[in-house]
């Protein structure tokens, strides 16, 4: 049995939604569907750059939560 990747699972859902009609997937008008951008079995353009931005934001948030050693040492005296 072939491995079902997330993109292949999305493609299978689109096939189910369109009753197995390949042309209907291409002509799909359900633009509000969360799977719409993935319906052709490929990642949308620019998705990788979005993932990198989110990763950068998360690492900045983590650094802000951790603080500095000086802040930690000041808190020990209390």
PDB file of N, CA and C in Angstrom:
ATOM      1  N   UNK A   1       0.832  -1.180   0.000  1.00  0.00           N
ATOM      2  CA  UNK A   1       0.000   0.000   0.000  1.00  0.00           C
ATOM      3  C   UNK A   1       0.883   1.253   0.000  1.00  0.00           C
ATOM      4  N   UNK A   2       0.569   2.218  -0.842  1.00  0.00           N
ATOM      5  CA  UNK A   2       1.356   3.436  -0.973  1.00  0.00           C
ATOM      6  C   UNK A   2       1.146   4.348   0.232  1.00  0.00           C
ATOM      7  N   UNK A   3       2.189   5.077   0.583  1.00  0.00           N
ATOM      8  CA  UNK A   3       2.119   6.001   1.702  1.00  0.00           C
ATOM      9  C   UNK A   3       1.226   7.189   1.323  1.00  0.00           C
ATOM     10  N   UNK A   4       0.325   7.550   2.220  1.00  0.00           N
ATOM     11  CA  UNK A   4      -0.593   8.661   1.977  1.00  0.00           C
ATOM     12  C   UNK A   4      -0.023   9.915   2.635  1.00  0.00           C
ATOM     13  N   UNK A   5       0.561  10.787   1.827  1.00  0.00           N
ATOM     14  CA  UNK A   5       1.118  12.040   2.332  1.00  0.00           C
ATOM     15  C   UNK A   5      -0.021  13.032   2.561  1.00  0.00           C
ATOM     16  N   UNK A   6       0.220  14.112   3.302  1.00  0.00           N
ATOM     17  CA  UNK A   6      -0.835  15.109   3.499  1.00  0.00           C
ATOM     18  C   UNK A   6      -1.383  15.673   2.188  1.00  0.00           C
ATOM     19  N   UNK A   7      -0.516  15.930   1.218  1.00  0.00           N
ATOM     20  CA  UNK A   7      -0.995  16.467  -0.059  1.00  0.00           C
ATOM     21  C   UNK A   7      -1.840  15.442  -0.814  1.00  0.00           C
ATOM     22  N   UNK A   8      -1.448  14.175  -0.727  1.00  0.00           N
ATOM     23  CA  UNK A   8      -2.239  13.136  -1.387  1.00  0.00           C
ATOM     24  C   UNK A   8      -3.577  12.944  -0.685  1.00  0.00           C
ATOM     25  N   UNK A   9      -3.602  13.106   0.630  1.00  0.00           N
ATOM     26  CA  UNK A   9      -4.857  13.002   1.382  1.00  0.00           C
ATOM     27  C   UNK A   9      -5.802  14.137   0.999  1.00  0.00           C
ATOM     28  N   UNK A  10      -5.254  15.334   0.812  1.00  0.00           N
ATOM     29  CA  UNK A  10      -6.067  16.473   0.377  1.00  0.00           C
ATOM     30  C   UNK A  10      -6.617  16.221  -1.022  1.00  0.00           C
ATOM     31  N   UNK A  11      -5.755  15.726  -1.889  1.00  0.00           N
ATOM     32  CA  UNK A  11      -6.183  15.410  -3.262  1.00  0.00           C
ATOM     33  C   UNK A  11      -7.303  14.364  -3.243  1.00  0.00           C
ATOM     34  N   UNK A  12      -7.181  13.361  -2.370  1.00  0.00           N
ATOM     35  CA  UNK A  12      -8.216  12.323  -2.253  1.00  0.00           C
ATOM     36  C   UNK A  12      -9.526  12.928  -1.756  1.00  0.00           C
ATOM     37  N   UNK A  13      -9.449  13.870  -0.822  1.00  0.00           N
ATOM     38  CA  UNK A  13     -10.659  14.530  -0.327  1.00  0.00           C
ATOM     39  C   UNK A  13     -11.325  15.319  -1.451  1.00  0.00           C
ATOM     40  N   UNK A  14     -10.531  15.994  -2.260  1.00  0.00           N
ATOM     41  CA  UNK A  14     -11.077  16.740  -3.394  1.00  0.00           C
ATOM     42  C   UNK A  14     -11.731  15.793  -4.399  1.00  0.00           C
ATOM     43  N   UNK A  15     -11.109  14.640  -4.618  1.00  0.00           N
ATOM     44  CA  UNK A  15     -11.705  13.640  -5.517  1.00  0.00           C
ATOM     45  C   UNK A  15     -13.051  13.176  -4.971  1.00  0.00           C
ATOM     46  N   UNK A  16     -13.129  12.985  -3.658  1.00  0.00           N
ATOM     47  CA  UNK A  16     -14.378  12.572  -3.028  1.00  0.00           C
ATOM     48  C   UNK A  16     -15.435  13.673  -3.167  1.00  0.00           C
ATOM     49  N   UNK A  17     -15.029  14.908  -2.956  1.00  0.00           N
ATOM     50  CA  UNK A  17     -15.943  16.051  -3.026  1.00  0.00           C
ATOM     51  C   UNK A  17     -16.534  16.228  -4.429  1.00  0.00           C
ATOM     52  N   UNK A  18     -15.745  15.913  -5.451  1.00  0.00           N
ATOM     53  CA  UNK A  18     -16.190  16.107  -6.836  1.00  0.00           C
ATOM     54  C   UNK A  18     -16.662  14.817  -7.496  1.00  0.00           C
ATOM     55  N   UNK A  19     -16.930  13.802  -6.675  1.00  0.00           N
ATOM     56  CA  UNK A  19     -17.411  12.507  -7.173  1.00  0.00           C
ATOM     57  C   UNK A  19     -16.447  11.885  -8.193  1.00  0.00           C
ATOM     58  N   UNK A  20     -15.147  12.074  -7.955  1.00  0.00           N
ATOM     59  CA  UNK A  20     -14.138  11.438  -8.794  1.00  0.00           C
ATOM     60  C   UNK A  20     -13.902  12.108 -10.140  1.00  0.00           C
ATOM     61  N   UNK A  21     -14.368  13.318 -10.328  1.00  0.00           N
ATOM     62  CA  UNK A  21     -14.210  14.028 -11.599  1.00  0.00           C
ATOM     63  C   UNK A  21     -12.979  14.940 -11.537  1.00  0.00           C
ATOM     64  N   UNK A  22     -11.893  14.520 -12.191  1.00  0.00           N
ATOM     65  CA  UNK A  22     -10.659  15.301 -12.178  1.00  0.00           C
ATOM     66  C   UNK A  22     -10.871  16.735 -12.664  1.00  0.00           C
ATOM     67  N   UNK A  23     -11.644  16.907 -13.703  1.00  0.00           N
ATOM     68  CA  UNK A  23     -11.852  18.244 -14.268  1.00  0.00           C
ATOM     69  C   UNK A  23     -12.549  19.158 -13.265  1.00  0.00           C
ATOM     70  N   UNK A  24     -13.415  18.598 -12.433  1.00  0.00           N
ATOM     71  CA  UNK A  24     -14.126  19.399 -11.437  1.00  0.00           C
ATOM     72  C   UNK A  24     -13.184  19.929 -10.358  1.00  0.00           C
ATOM     73  N   UNK A  25     -12.125  19.189 -10.069  1.00  0.00           N
ATOM     74  CA  UNK A  25     -11.139  19.679  -9.099  1.00  0.00           C
ATOM     75  C   UNK A  25     -10.464  20.925  -9.652  1.00  0.00           C
ATOM     76  N   UNK A  26     -10.083  20.868 -10.912  1.00  0.00           N
ATOM     77  CA  UNK A  26      -9.439  22.024 -11.546  1.00  0.00           C
ATOM     78  C   UNK A  26     -10.395  23.212 -11.635  1.00  0.00           C
ATOM     79  N   UNK A  27     -11.667  22.956 -11.875  1.00  0.00           N
ATOM     80  CA  UNK A  27     -12.661  24.018 -12.041  1.00  0.00           C
ATOM     81  C   UNK A  27     -13.348  24.416 -10.737  1.00  0.00           C
ATOM     82  N   UNK A  28     -12.899  23.885  -9.632  1.00  0.00           N
ATOM     83  CA  UNK A  28     -13.532  24.115  -8.333  1.00  0.00           C
ATOM     84  C   UNK A  28     -13.728  25.612  -8.068  1.00  0.00           C
ATOM     85  N   UNK A  29     -14.926  25.953  -7.592  1.00  0.00           N
ATOM     86  CA  UNK A  29     -15.240  27.352  -7.288  1.00  0.00           C
ATOM     87  C   UNK A  29     -15.372  27.593  -5.790  1.00  0.00           C
ATOM     88  N   UNK A  30     -15.072  26.601  -4.985  1.00  0.00           N
ATOM     89  CA  UNK A  30     -15.186  26.715  -3.519  1.00  0.00           C
ATOM     90  C   UNK A  30     -13.911  27.343  -2.950  1.00  0.00           C
ATOM     91  N   UNK A  31     -13.694  28.610  -3.244  1.00  0.00           N
ATOM     92  CA  UNK A  31     -12.453  29.277  -2.849  1.00  0.00           C
ATOM     93  C   UNK A  31     -12.341  29.464  -1.338  1.00  0.00           C
ATOM     94  N   UNK A  32     -13.431  29.355  -0.606  1.00  0.00           N
ATOM     95  CA  UNK A  32     -13.375  29.489   0.854  1.00  0.00           C
ATOM     96  C   UNK A  32     -12.995  28.177   1.533  1.00  0.00           C
ATOM     97  N   UNK A  33     -12.923  27.104   0.772  1.00  0.00           N
ATOM     98  CA  UNK A  33     -12.522  25.800   1.313  1.00  0.00           C
ATOM     99  C   UNK A  33     -11.058  25.904   1.781  1.00  0.00           C
ATOM    100  N   UNK A  34     -10.746  25.439   2.990  1.00  0.00           N
ATOM    101  CA  UNK A  34      -9.359  25.526   3.457  1.00  0.00           C
ATOM    102  C   UNK A  34      -8.382  24.689   2.634  1.00  0.00           C
ATOM    103  N   UNK A  35      -8.901  23.759   1.856  1.00  0.00           N
ATOM    104  CA  UNK A  35      -8.039  22.904   1.026  1.00  0.00           C
ATOM    105  C   UNK A  35      -7.892  23.433  -0.401  1.00  0.00           C
ATOM    106  N   UNK A  36      -8.567  24.505  -0.729  1.00  0.00           N
ATOM    107  CA  UNK A  36      -8.621  25.006  -2.107  1.00  0.00           C
ATOM    108  C   UNK A  36      -7.234  25.184  -2.728  1.00  0.00           C
ATOM    109  N   UNK A  37      -6.322  25.815  -2.020  1.00  0.00           N
ATOM    110  CA  UNK A  37      -4.983  26.086  -2.568  1.00  0.00           C
ATOM    111  C   UNK A  37      -4.182  24.803  -2.793  1.00  0.00           C
ATOM    112  N   UNK A  38      -4.560  23.729  -2.127  1.00  0.00           N
ATOM    113  CA  UNK A  38      -3.818  22.474  -2.213  1.00  0.00           C
ATOM    114  C   UNK A  38      -4.473  21.462  -3.137  1.00  0.00           C
ATOM    115  N   UNK A  39      -5.597  21.796  -3.744  1.00  0.00           N
ATOM    116  CA  UNK A  39      -6.417  20.830  -4.480  1.00  0.00           C
ATOM    117  C   UNK A  39      -5.710  20.174  -5.659  1.00  0.00           C
ATOM    118  N   UNK A  40      -4.699  20.811  -6.211  1.00  0.00           N
ATOM    119  CA  UNK A  40      -3.995  20.237  -7.352  1.00  0.00           C
ATOM    120  C   UNK A  40      -2.844  19.320  -6.929  1.00  0.00           C
ATOM    121  N   UNK A  41      -2.719  19.076  -5.620  1.00  0.00           N
ATOM    122  CA  UNK A  41      -1.687  18.166  -5.129  1.00  0.00           C
ATOM    123  C   UNK A  41      -0.324  18.809  -4.984  1.00  0.00           C
ATOM    124  N   UNK A  42      -0.291  20.144  -4.953  1.00  0.00           N
ATOM    125  CA  UNK A  42       0.965  20.877  -4.791  1.00  0.00           C
ATOM    126  C   UNK A  42       0.781  21.960  -3.745  1.00  0.00           C
ATOM    127  N   UNK A  43       1.892  22.360  -3.139  1.00  0.00           N
ATOM    128  CA  UNK A  43       1.851  23.456  -2.177  1.00  0.00           C
ATOM    129  C   UNK A  43       1.679  24.767  -2.935  1.00  0.00           C
ATOM    130  N   UNK A  44       0.929  25.692  -2.359  1.00  0.00           N
ATOM    131  CA  UNK A  44       0.787  26.995  -3.018  1.00  0.00           C
ATOM    132  C   UNK A  44       2.116  27.755  -3.026  1.00  0.00           C
ATOM    133  N   UNK A  45       2.291  28.610  -4.002  1.00  0.00           N
ATOM    134  CA  UNK A  45       3.513  29.413  -4.078  1.00  0.00           C
ATOM    135  C   UNK A  45       3.583  30.327  -2.866  1.00  0.00           C
ATOM    136  N   UNK A  46       4.790  30.490  -2.335  1.00  0.00           N
ATOM    137  CA  UNK A  46       4.996  31.384  -1.203  1.00  0.00           C
ATOM    138  C   UNK A  46       4.746  30.745   0.150  1.00  0.00           C
ATOM    139  N   UNK A  47       4.279  29.515   0.200  1.00  0.00           N
ATOM    140  CA  UNK A  47       3.999  28.876   1.489  1.00  0.00           C
ATOM    141  C   UNK A  47       5.274  28.691   2.296  1.00  0.00           C
ATOM    142  N   UNK A  48       6.377  28.359   1.638  1.00  0.00           N
ATOM    143  CA  UNK A  48       7.630  28.139   2.345  1.00  0.00           C
ATOM    144  C   UNK A  48       8.104  29.417   3.020  1.00  0.00           C
ATOM    145  N   UNK A  49       7.943  30.560   2.371  1.00  0.00           N
ATOM    146  CA  UNK A  49       8.382  31.807   2.982  1.00  0.00           C
ATOM    147  C   UNK A  49       7.505  32.162   4.178  1.00  0.00           C
ATOM    148  N   UNK A  50       6.228  31.814   4.130  1.00  0.00           N
ATOM    149  CA  UNK A  50       5.339  32.052   5.258  1.00  0.00           C
ATOM    150  C   UNK A  50       5.776  31.199   6.445  1.00  0.00           C
ATOM    151  N   UNK A  51       6.123  29.960   6.191  1.00  0.00           N
ATOM    152  CA  UNK A  51       6.576  29.065   7.258  1.00  0.00           C
ATOM    153  C   UNK A  51       7.850  29.606   7.900  1.00  0.00           C
ATOM    154  N   UNK A  52       8.753  30.165   7.114  1.00  0.00           N
ATOM    155  CA  UNK A  52       9.988  30.734   7.653  1.00  0.00           C
ATOM    156  C   UNK A  52       9.688  31.953   8.520  1.00  0.00           C
ATOM    157  N   UNK A  53       8.725  32.795   8.113  1.00  0.00           N
ATOM    158  CA  UNK A  53       8.361  33.968   8.900  1.00  0.00           C
ATOM    159  C   UNK A  53       7.785  33.558  10.244  1.00  0.00           C
ATOM    160  N   UNK A  54       6.931  32.561  10.262  1.00  0.00           N
ATOM    161  CA  UNK A  54       6.331  32.078  11.499  1.00  0.00           C
ATOM    162  C   UNK A  54       7.406  31.526  12.418  1.00  0.00           C
ATOM    163  N   UNK A  55       8.360  30.780  11.859  1.00  0.00           N
ATOM    164  CA  UNK A  55       9.441  30.217  12.653  1.00  0.00           C
ATOM    165  C   UNK A  55      10.280  31.330  13.272  1.00  0.00           C
ATOM    166  N   UNK A  56      10.558  32.385  12.526  1.00  0.00           N
ATOM    167  CA  UNK A  56      11.331  33.515  13.028  1.00  0.00           C
ATOM    168  C   UNK A  56      10.579  34.209  14.152  1.00  0.00           C
ATOM    169  N   UNK A  57       9.268  34.415  13.982  1.00  0.00           N
ATOM    170  CA  UNK A  57       8.461  35.051  15.016  1.00  0.00           C
ATOM    171  C   UNK A  57       8.444  34.206  16.281  1.00  0.00           C
ATOM    172  N   UNK A  58       8.312  32.895  16.140  1.00  0.00           N
ATOM    173  CA  UNK A  58       8.280  32.013  17.302  1.00  0.00           C
ATOM    174  C   UNK A  58       9.588  32.044  18.064  1.00  0.00           C
ATOM    175  N   UNK A  59      10.719  32.073  17.363  1.00  0.00           N
ATOM    176  CA  UNK A  59      12.000  32.102  18.049  1.00  0.00           C
ATOM    177  C   UNK A  59      12.200  33.447  18.747  1.00  0.00           C
ATOM    178  N   UNK A  60      11.701  34.536  18.170  1.00  0.00           N
ATOM    179  CA  UNK A  60      11.789  35.851  18.814  1.00  0.00           C
ATOM    180  C   UNK A  60      10.925  35.878  20.066  1.00  0.00           C
ATOM    181  N   UNK A  61       9.734  35.295  20.011  1.00  0.00           N
ATOM    182  CA  UNK A  61       8.851  35.229  21.170  1.00  0.00           C
ATOM    183  C   UNK A  61       9.488  34.405  22.279  1.00  0.00           C
ATOM    184  N   UNK A  62      10.125  33.307  21.928  1.00  0.00           N
ATOM    185  CA  UNK A  62      10.783  32.452  22.912  1.00  0.00           C
ATOM    186  C   UNK A  62      11.919  33.200  23.595  1.00  0.00           C
ATOM    187  N   UNK A  63      12.685  33.946  22.823  1.00  0.00           N
ATOM    188  CA  UNK A  63      13.791  34.709  23.387  1.00  0.00           C
ATOM    189  C   UNK A  63      13.276  35.764  24.359  1.00  0.00           C
ATOM    190  N   UNK A  64      12.149  36.385  24.052  1.00  0.00           N
ATOM    191  CA  UNK A  64      11.571  37.396  24.933  1.00  0.00           C
ATOM    192  C   UNK A  64      11.079  36.761  26.233  1.00  0.00           C
ATOM    193  N   UNK A  65      10.548  35.558  26.163  1.00  0.00           N
ATOM    194  CA  UNK A  65      10.062  34.872  27.352  1.00  0.00           C
ATOM    195  C   UNK A  65      11.204  34.401  28.241  1.00  0.00           C
ATOM    196  N   UNK A  66      12.305  34.020  27.651  1.00  0.00           N
ATOM    197  CA  UNK A  66      13.434  33.496  28.411  1.00  0.00           C
ATOM    198  C   UNK A  66      14.120  34.608  29.185  1.00  0.00           C
ATOM    199  N   UNK A  67      14.280  35.771  28.588  1.00  0.00           N
ATOM    200  CA  UNK A  67      14.945  36.883  29.253  1.00  0.00           C
ATOM    201  C   UNK A  67      16.448  36.709  29.267  1.00  0.00           C
ATOM    202  N   UNK A  68      17.111  37.522  30.097  1.00  0.00           N
ATOM    203  CA  UNK A  68      18.573  37.455  30.185  1.00  0.00           C
ATOM    204  C   UNK A  68      18.979  36.885  31.528  1.00  0.00           C
ATOM    205  N   UNK A  69      20.239  36.519  31.645  1.00  0.00           N
ATOM    206  CA  UNK A  69      20.768  35.998  32.913  1.00  0.00           C
ATOM    207  C   UNK A  69      20.728  37.063  34.000  1.00  0.00           C
ATOM    208  N   UNK A  70      20.955  38.322  33.640  1.00  0.00           N
ATOM    209  CA  UNK A  70      20.942  39.408  34.612  1.00  0.00           C
ATOM    210  C   UNK A  70      19.571  39.537  35.268  1.00  0.00           C
ATOM    211  N   UNK A  71      18.507  39.423  34.474  1.00  0.00           N
ATOM    212  CA  UNK A  71      17.159  39.502  35.024  1.00  0.00           C
ATOM    213  C   UNK A  71      16.920  38.368  36.003  1.00  0.00           C
ATOM    214  N   UNK A  72      17.434  37.183  35.700  1.00  0.00           N
ATOM    215  CA  UNK A  72      17.260  36.019  36.552  1.00  0.00           C
ATOM    216  C   UNK A  72      17.990  36.207  37.863  1.00  0.00           C
ATOM    217  N   UNK A  73      19.235  36.710  37.809  1.00  0.00           N
ATOM    218  CA  UNK A  73      20.050  36.908  39.010  1.00  0.00           C
ATOM    219  C   UNK A  73      19.429  37.956  39.927  1.00  0.00           C
ATOM    220  N   UNK A  74      18.825  39.002  39.363  1.00  0.00           N
ATOM    221  CA  UNK A  74      18.175  40.033  40.168  1.00  0.00           C
ATOM    222  C   UNK A  74      16.990  39.455  40.933  1.00  0.00           C
ATOM    223  N   UNK A  75      16.279  38.534  40.340  1.00  0.00           N
ATOM    224  CA  UNK A  75      15.113  37.925  40.972  1.00  0.00           C
ATOM    225  C   UNK A  75      15.463  37.001  42.116  1.00  0.00           C
ATOM    226  N   UNK A  76      16.688  36.486  42.179  1.00  0.00           N
ATOM    227  CA  UNK A  76      17.090  35.557  43.233  1.00  0.00           C
ATOM    228  C   UNK A  76      17.261  36.264  44.569  1.00  0.00           C
ATOM    229  N   UNK A  77      17.599  37.549  44.550  1.00  0.00           N
ATOM    230  CA  UNK A  77      17.855  38.292  45.787  1.00  0.00           C
ATOM    231  C   UNK A  77      16.583  38.518  46.590  1.00  0.00           C
ATOM    232  N   UNK A  78      15.450  38.487  45.987  1.00  0.00           N
ATOM    233  CA  UNK A  78      14.192  38.810  46.645  1.00  0.00           C
ATOM    234  C   UNK A  78      13.721  37.764  47.563  1.00  0.00           C
TER     235      UNK A  78
END
